[in-house]
Amino acid sequence: MRKRRLGSTDIEITPIGLGCMQFAGPGMVEQFYPALDQPSVTPVVKSALDGGINWFDTAEMYGRGASERALTTALRESGATPGTVVVATKWAPILRTAASIGRTIEARISSLQGYPIDLHQIHMPYGSLSAIPRQLRAMAALCRAGQISSVGVSNFSARQMRTASALLRAQGVTLASNQVQISLLNRKIERNGVLETARQLGVTLIAYSPLSSGVLSGKFHEDPANVRSRPRVRRLVGGLSQRALARTAPLVDGLRAIARAHGGTASQVALSWLTTYYGETVVAIPGGTKPHHAQEAAAAMHLRLSERELAHLDGLSRPAR
């Protein structure tokens, strides 16, 4: 399948990657996903690789390195050697200074067990004891030193993206990406300037939660009782409620109808829309706790929607925003 450049770097990624927050193990992430042991993680990663996915997004914050270690262990067990896949991770800024970016890079390298850091991201634009410019200069220093290949950010506004891009350029580095929430149910990038700015700067937008916590899969519409089985925090963050299901039903019905025509699933149609409608600017990182989740996400890269289908879903999603 045709890969895309990550920003203006030489790194090539598939339109869909695999988000690895769910590999964090016991701890805070259990409020969203069940804790997975290594024998459960490896088949998920292998299924992603077998389906053609070539990149994986993890973070220091996901279990204090547990996700990074689980991911790279799974990659090695699946036969994907360092350098054959793209690995993205993130520095956690909460209550830390920019100096910790340099101090913690060895821990990131150690947790990734020999897999290079192709993309290192500032996890969020708030919470640090240092201003964003100092954080970006620290990231640029790692890039110039060859410890990371590119620099990205997450949850940055359009203005913050412009600032980040200018600061990095002054350091001889480009801003590769901005990881933000985007889906058929979250299209704020069209109104807040993030999409336009990304296109102007040549920055890739990495869409997290591209299926809106599973709402776009239709599984909660098929059996609303499933909502009550999800952790309370996930219900709140994902907007899982009976009212939300009623509001989004027309969109999900539209996804299902198109899925039937293509012999696919609602999730695959939603992912295909996301990685097609915005051109090559947007890529997506759905998660997965079971092998079939990764298989389904990977197969979405082969589903081709017509202009009419893209426009139909565009119209259906607007009232649901």
Protein backbone atom coordinates (compact mmCIF):
# COMPACT_ATOMS: atom_id res chain seq x y z
CA MET A 1 0.00 0.00 0.00
CA ARG A 2 1.11 3.58 -0.52
CA LYS A 3 2.89 5.04 2.49
CA ARG A 4 2.99 8.68 3.54
CA ARG A 5 5.83 10.88 4.64
CA LEU A 6 5.80 11.89 8.28
CA GLY A 7 5.76 15.67 7.95
CA SER A 8 8.70 16.73 5.81
CA THR A 9 10.96 14.00 7.18
CA ASP A 10 12.20 11.00 5.21
CA ILE A 11 10.21 8.66 7.47
CA GLU A 12 7.48 6.76 5.64
CA ILE A 13 4.43 5.47 7.51
CA THR A 14 1.27 3.62 6.61
CA PRO A 15 -2.00 5.63 6.80
CA ILE A 16 -2.90 3.62 9.89
CA GLY A 17 -0.59 2.80 12.78
CA LEU A 18 -1.26 1.07 16.08
CA GLY A 19 -1.80 3.07 19.27
CA CYS A 20 -0.21 1.30 22.25
CA MET A 21 -1.70 2.98 25.33
CA GLN A 22 -3.48 -0.30 26.08
CA PHE A 23 -0.11 -2.04 26.61
CA ALA A 24 0.60 -0.05 29.79
CA GLY A 25 -0.23 -2.92 32.14
CA PRO A 26 -1.67 -2.46 35.65
CA GLY A 27 -2.27 1.11 36.75
CA MET A 28 -4.12 4.19 35.58
CA VAL A 29 -4.73 2.90 32.05
CA GLU A 30 -6.85 0.10 33.52
CA GLN A 31 -9.56 2.73 33.90
CA PHE A 32 -9.81 2.61 30.09
CA TYR A 33 -8.52 -0.83 29.06
CA PRO A 34 -7.97 -4.18 30.77
CA ALA A 35 -4.34 -4.84 31.70
CA LEU A 36 -2.65 -7.06 29.10
CA ASP A 37 0.22 -9.44 29.76
CA GLN A 38 2.95 -10.06 27.19
CA PRO A 39 1.35 -13.22 25.76
CA SER A 40 -1.71 -11.07 25.01
CA VAL A 41 0.24 -8.12 23.59
CA THR A 42 2.42 -10.01 21.12
CA PRO A 43 -0.45 -11.45 19.00
CA VAL A 44 -1.96 -7.96 18.68
CA VAL A 45 1.31 -6.50 17.42
CA LYS A 46 1.92 -9.44 15.11
CA SER A 47 -1.55 -9.06 13.61
CA ALA A 48 -0.83 -5.39 12.93
CA LEU A 49 2.45 -6.25 11.24
CA ASP A 50 0.88 -9.06 9.22
CA GLY A 51 -1.78 -6.63 8.03
CA GLY A 52 0.83 -4.19 6.72
CA ILE A 53 0.95 -1.62 9.55
CA ASN A 54 4.52 -0.35 9.87
CA TRP A 55 4.43 2.04 12.81
CA PHE A 56 3.48 2.09 16.47
CA ASP A 57 2.78 4.95 18.88
CA THR A 58 3.59 4.58 22.56
CA ALA A 59 4.63 6.90 25.41
CA GLU A 60 6.61 7.17 28.60
CA MET A 61 3.36 7.95 30.42
CA TYR A 62 1.83 4.62 29.44
CA GLY A 63 2.88 2.63 32.47
CA ARG A 64 6.21 4.43 32.99
CA GLY A 65 7.80 2.58 30.12
CA ALA A 66 5.70 -0.59 30.40
CA SER A 67 4.02 0.03 27.04
CA GLU A 68 7.35 0.74 25.37
CA ARG A 69 8.82 -2.51 26.71
CA ALA A 70 5.73 -4.57 25.87
CA LEU A 71 5.64 -3.16 22.34
CA THR A 72 9.30 -3.77 21.53
CA THR A 73 9.25 -7.22 23.11
CA ALA A 74 6.28 -8.04 20.89
CA LEU A 75 8.02 -6.61 17.82
CA ARG A 76 11.07 -8.78 18.43
CA GLU A 77 8.96 -11.87 19.13
CA SER A 78 7.08 -11.17 15.87
CA GLY A 79 10.30 -11.00 13.84
CA ALA A 80 10.31 -7.23 13.23
CA THR A 81 13.91 -6.16 13.79
CA PRO A 82 15.01 -2.63 14.77
CA GLY A 83 14.95 -0.34 11.77
CA THR A 84 12.24 -2.27 9.92
CA VAL A 85 9.37 -0.53 11.71
CA VAL A 86 8.72 3.04 12.86
CA VAL A 87 8.39 3.67 16.60
CA ALA A 88 6.99 6.88 18.09
CA THR A 89 7.04 7.68 21.79
CA LYS A 90 6.42 10.74 23.98
CA TRP A 91 7.97 12.69 26.85
CA ALA A 92 5.60 13.42 29.76
CA PRO A 93 5.85 17.11 30.81
CA ILE A 94 3.73 17.08 33.97
CA LEU A 95 5.59 18.84 36.83
CA ARG A 96 8.94 18.50 35.06
CA THR A 97 11.38 20.92 33.51
CA ALA A 98 12.66 20.78 29.95
CA ALA A 99 15.96 19.46 31.29
CA SER A 100 14.24 16.14 32.01
CA ILE A 101 13.88 15.58 28.25
CA GLY A 102 17.61 15.04 28.02
CA ARG A 103 17.84 13.28 31.37
CA THR A 104 15.13 10.73 30.50
CA ILE A 105 16.14 9.93 26.94
CA GLU A 106 18.34 7.05 28.07
CA ALA A 107 15.36 5.58 29.92
CA ARG A 108 13.33 5.81 26.70
CA ILE A 109 16.12 4.16 24.73
CA SER A 110 16.42 1.43 27.38
CA SER A 111 12.67 0.78 27.48
CA LEU A 112 12.56 0.52 23.68
CA GLN A 113 15.19 -2.22 23.88
CA GLY A 114 17.24 -1.36 20.82
CA TYR A 115 14.45 0.00 18.63
CA PRO A 116 15.31 3.56 17.56
CA ILE A 117 13.10 6.53 18.42
CA ASP A 118 11.83 7.61 15.03
CA LEU A 119 9.50 10.23 16.49
CA HIS A 120 9.73 11.80 19.96
CA GLN A 121 6.75 13.93 20.97
CA ILE A 122 5.90 16.41 23.70
CA HIS A 123 2.84 14.66 25.15
CA MET A 124 0.87 17.85 25.91
CA PRO A 125 1.38 21.63 25.86
CA TYR A 126 0.69 22.10 29.56
CA GLY A 127 1.87 20.85 32.93
CA SER A 128 5.60 21.47 32.52
CA LEU A 129 7.62 23.72 34.82
CA SER A 130 9.41 25.04 31.72
CA ALA A 131 8.00 27.06 28.84
CA ILE A 132 7.31 25.34 25.54
CA PRO A 133 10.28 27.01 23.76
CA ARG A 134 12.71 25.42 26.22
CA GLN A 135 11.07 22.04 25.73
CA LEU A 136 11.37 22.33 21.96
CA ARG A 137 15.01 23.36 22.13
CA ALA A 138 15.71 20.31 24.29
CA MET A 139 13.96 18.09 21.75
CA ALA A 140 15.94 19.68 18.91
CA ALA A 141 19.17 18.97 20.77
CA LEU A 142 18.29 15.26 20.94
CA CYS A 143 17.56 15.29 17.22
CA ARG A 144 20.85 16.97 16.34
CA ALA A 145 22.67 14.48 18.57
CA GLY A 146 21.12 11.59 16.66
CA GLN A 147 19.28 10.18 19.68
CA ILE A 148 15.92 10.69 17.98
CA SER A 149 15.04 11.01 14.30
CA SER A 150 12.26 13.61 14.44
CA VAL A 151 10.27 15.84 16.77
CA GLY A 152 6.51 15.97 17.22
CA VAL A 153 3.97 17.46 19.61
CA SER A 154 0.57 16.42 20.89
CA ASN A 155 -2.60 18.41 21.59
CA PHE A 156 -1.02 21.65 20.37
CA SER A 157 -3.23 24.46 19.09
CA ALA A 158 -2.70 26.12 15.72
CA ARG A 159 -0.83 29.00 17.36
CA GLN A 160 1.34 26.63 19.38
CA MET A 161 2.11 24.65 16.21
CA ARG A 162 3.33 27.79 14.46
CA THR A 163 5.50 28.69 17.43
CA ALA A 164 6.89 25.15 17.62
CA SER A 165 7.63 25.06 13.90
CA ALA A 166 9.47 28.39 13.95
CA LEU A 167 11.51 27.49 17.04
CA LEU A 168 12.53 24.12 15.66
CA ARG A 169 13.46 25.60 12.27
CA ALA A 170 15.78 27.99 14.08
CA GLN A 171 17.45 24.91 15.55
CA GLY A 172 17.77 23.22 12.17
CA VAL A 173 14.90 20.78 12.84
CA THR A 174 11.39 20.54 11.40
CA LEU A 175 8.14 19.90 13.25
CA ALA A 176 7.03 16.49 12.02
CA SER A 177 3.63 15.99 13.63
CA ASN A 178 0.89 17.04 16.00
CA GLN A 179 -1.13 14.28 17.64
CA VAL A 180 -4.72 15.37 18.26
CA GLN A 181 -8.14 13.80 18.62
CA ILE A 182 -9.88 13.51 15.25
CA SER A 183 -12.79 11.37 14.11
CA LEU A 184 -16.14 11.60 12.38
CA LEU A 185 -17.43 12.68 15.80
CA ASN A 186 -14.62 15.13 16.51
CA ARG A 187 -13.82 17.47 13.64
CA LYS A 188 -12.61 20.46 15.61
CA ILE A 189 -9.43 20.66 13.51
CA GLU A 190 -11.57 22.11 10.71
CA ARG A 191 -12.69 25.04 12.88
CA ASN A 192 -9.78 25.77 15.21
CA GLY A 193 -7.13 26.28 12.55
CA VAL A 194 -5.15 23.11 13.29
CA LEU A 195 -5.88 21.47 9.93
CA GLU A 196 -5.13 24.59 7.90
CA THR A 197 -1.94 25.24 9.86
CA ALA A 198 -0.76 21.65 9.50
CA ARG A 199 -1.18 21.87 5.73
CA GLN A 200 0.65 25.18 5.56
CA LEU A 201 3.55 23.91 7.65
CA GLY A 202 3.71 20.43 6.10
CA VAL A 203 2.96 18.79 9.46
CA THR A 204 1.28 15.39 9.76
CA LEU A 205 -1.73 15.21 12.08
CA ILE A 206 -1.87 11.92 14.00
CA ALA A 207 -5.47 11.15 14.93
CA TYR A 208 -5.91 9.47 18.29
CA SER A 209 -9.27 8.03 19.35
CA PRO A 210 -10.26 7.78 15.66
CA LEU A 211 -13.22 5.54 16.52
CA SER A 212 -14.41 7.73 19.41
CA SER A 213 -13.84 5.09 22.10
CA GLY A 214 -15.58 2.47 20.00
CA VAL A 215 -18.76 4.45 19.34
CA LEU A 216 -18.13 4.45 15.58
CA SER A 217 -17.78 0.67 15.53
CA GLY A 218 -21.51 0.42 16.21
CA LYS A 219 -21.04 -2.17 18.93
CA PHE A 220 -22.71 0.01 21.56
CA HIS A 221 -25.62 0.75 19.24
CA GLU A 222 -26.11 -2.98 18.63
CA ASP A 223 -26.15 -3.71 22.34
CA PRO A 224 -26.52 -0.59 24.54
CA ALA A 225 -25.99 -2.77 27.62
CA ASN A 226 -22.30 -2.82 26.63
CA VAL A 227 -22.03 0.78 27.77
CA ARG A 228 -22.61 -0.19 31.41
CA SER A 229 -19.84 -2.81 31.19
CA ARG A 230 -17.20 -0.17 30.41
CA PRO A 231 -15.25 1.57 33.21
CA ARG A 232 -16.87 4.79 34.38
CA VAL A 233 -13.90 6.94 33.37
CA ARG A 234 -13.98 5.55 29.85
CA ARG A 235 -17.72 6.21 29.63
CA LEU A 236 -17.20 9.83 30.67
CA VAL A 237 -14.18 10.53 28.45
CA GLY A 238 -15.65 8.69 25.47
CA GLY A 239 -19.09 10.23 25.82
CA LEU A 240 -20.71 6.82 26.16
CA SER A 241 -24.30 7.45 27.14
CA GLN A 242 -27.74 6.50 25.88
CA ARG A 243 -28.29 10.08 24.72
CA ALA A 244 -25.03 10.02 22.75
CA LEU A 245 -25.95 6.71 21.15
CA ALA A 246 -29.28 8.10 20.02
CA ARG A 247 -27.64 11.21 18.60
CA THR A 248 -25.02 9.26 16.66
CA ALA A 249 -27.32 6.49 15.40
CA PRO A 250 -27.87 8.02 11.92
CA LEU A 251 -24.11 8.27 11.35
CA VAL A 252 -23.50 4.73 12.55
CA ASP A 253 -26.33 3.47 10.33
CA GLY A 254 -24.62 5.21 7.41
CA LEU A 255 -21.30 3.59 8.26
CA ARG A 256 -22.93 0.17 8.41
CA ALA A 257 -24.66 0.63 5.05
CA ILE A 258 -21.41 1.57 3.34
CA ALA A 259 -19.62 -1.25 5.13
CA ARG A 260 -22.11 -3.78 3.77
CA ALA A 261 -21.51 -2.51 0.25
CA HIS A 262 -17.76 -3.02 0.66
CA GLY A 263 -17.90 -6.24 2.64
CA GLY A 264 -16.26 -4.49 5.58
CA THR A 265 -17.15 -3.12 9.01
CA ALA A 266 -18.32 0.23 10.32
CA SER A 267 -14.94 0.73 12.01
CA GLN A 268 -13.09 0.18 8.75
CA VAL A 269 -15.29 2.66 6.94
CA ALA A 270 -14.74 5.26 9.69
CA LEU A 271 -10.96 4.78 9.51
CA SER A 272 -10.94 4.88 5.72
CA TRP A 273 -12.96 8.12 5.76
CA LEU A 274 -10.56 9.70 8.23
CA THR A 275 -7.40 8.84 6.31
CA THR A 276 -8.93 9.79 2.95
CA TYR A 277 -11.15 12.84 3.53
CA TYR A 278 -8.28 15.03 4.75
CA GLY A 279 -5.84 13.83 2.12
CA GLU A 280 -2.39 12.75 3.27
CA THR A 281 -2.34 15.23 6.17
CA VAL A 282 -4.13 12.90 8.61
CA VAL A 283 -3.07 9.42 9.72
CA ALA A 284 -4.75 7.40 12.46
CA ILE A 285 -3.69 5.28 15.43
CA PRO A 286 -6.56 3.08 16.61
CA GLY A 287 -5.75 0.88 19.57
CA GLY A 288 -6.46 -2.79 19.98
CA THR A 289 -6.61 -5.28 22.84
CA LYS A 290 -7.20 -8.35 20.69
CA PRO A 291 -5.60 -9.58 17.44
CA HIS A 292 -8.80 -9.12 15.45
CA HIS A 293 -8.85 -5.42 16.40
CA ALA A 294 -5.46 -4.91 14.73
CA GLN A 295 -6.45 -7.07 11.76
CA GLU A 296 -9.58 -5.00 11.23
CA ALA A 297 -7.70 -1.70 11.48
CA ALA A 298 -5.01 -2.84 9.04
CA ALA A 299 -7.59 -4.04 6.53
CA ALA A 300 -9.19 -0.58 6.55
CA MET A 301 -6.18 0.63 4.55
CA HIS A 302 -7.43 -1.40 1.59
CA LEU A 303 -11.00 -0.09 1.70
CA ARG A 304 -11.52 2.60 -0.93
CA LEU A 305 -14.46 4.95 -0.48
CA SER A 306 -15.97 6.80 -3.41
CA GLU A 307 -16.32 10.58 -3.46
CA ARG A 308 -20.04 10.12 -3.00
CA GLU A 309 -19.53 7.94 0.08
CA LEU A 310 -17.04 10.40 1.56
CA ALA A 311 -19.48 13.25 1.05
CA HIS A 312 -22.39 11.26 2.47
CA LEU A 313 -20.51 10.54 5.72
CA ASP A 314 -19.35 14.15 5.85
CA GLY A 315 -22.97 15.27 5.82
CA LEU A 316 -24.11 12.68 8.36
CA SER A 317 -21.35 13.57 10.80
CA ARG A 318 -21.96 17.30 10.88
CA PRO A 319 -25.11 17.27 13.04
CA ALA A 320 -23.42 14.80 15.40
CA ARG A 321 -20.46 17.02 16.17
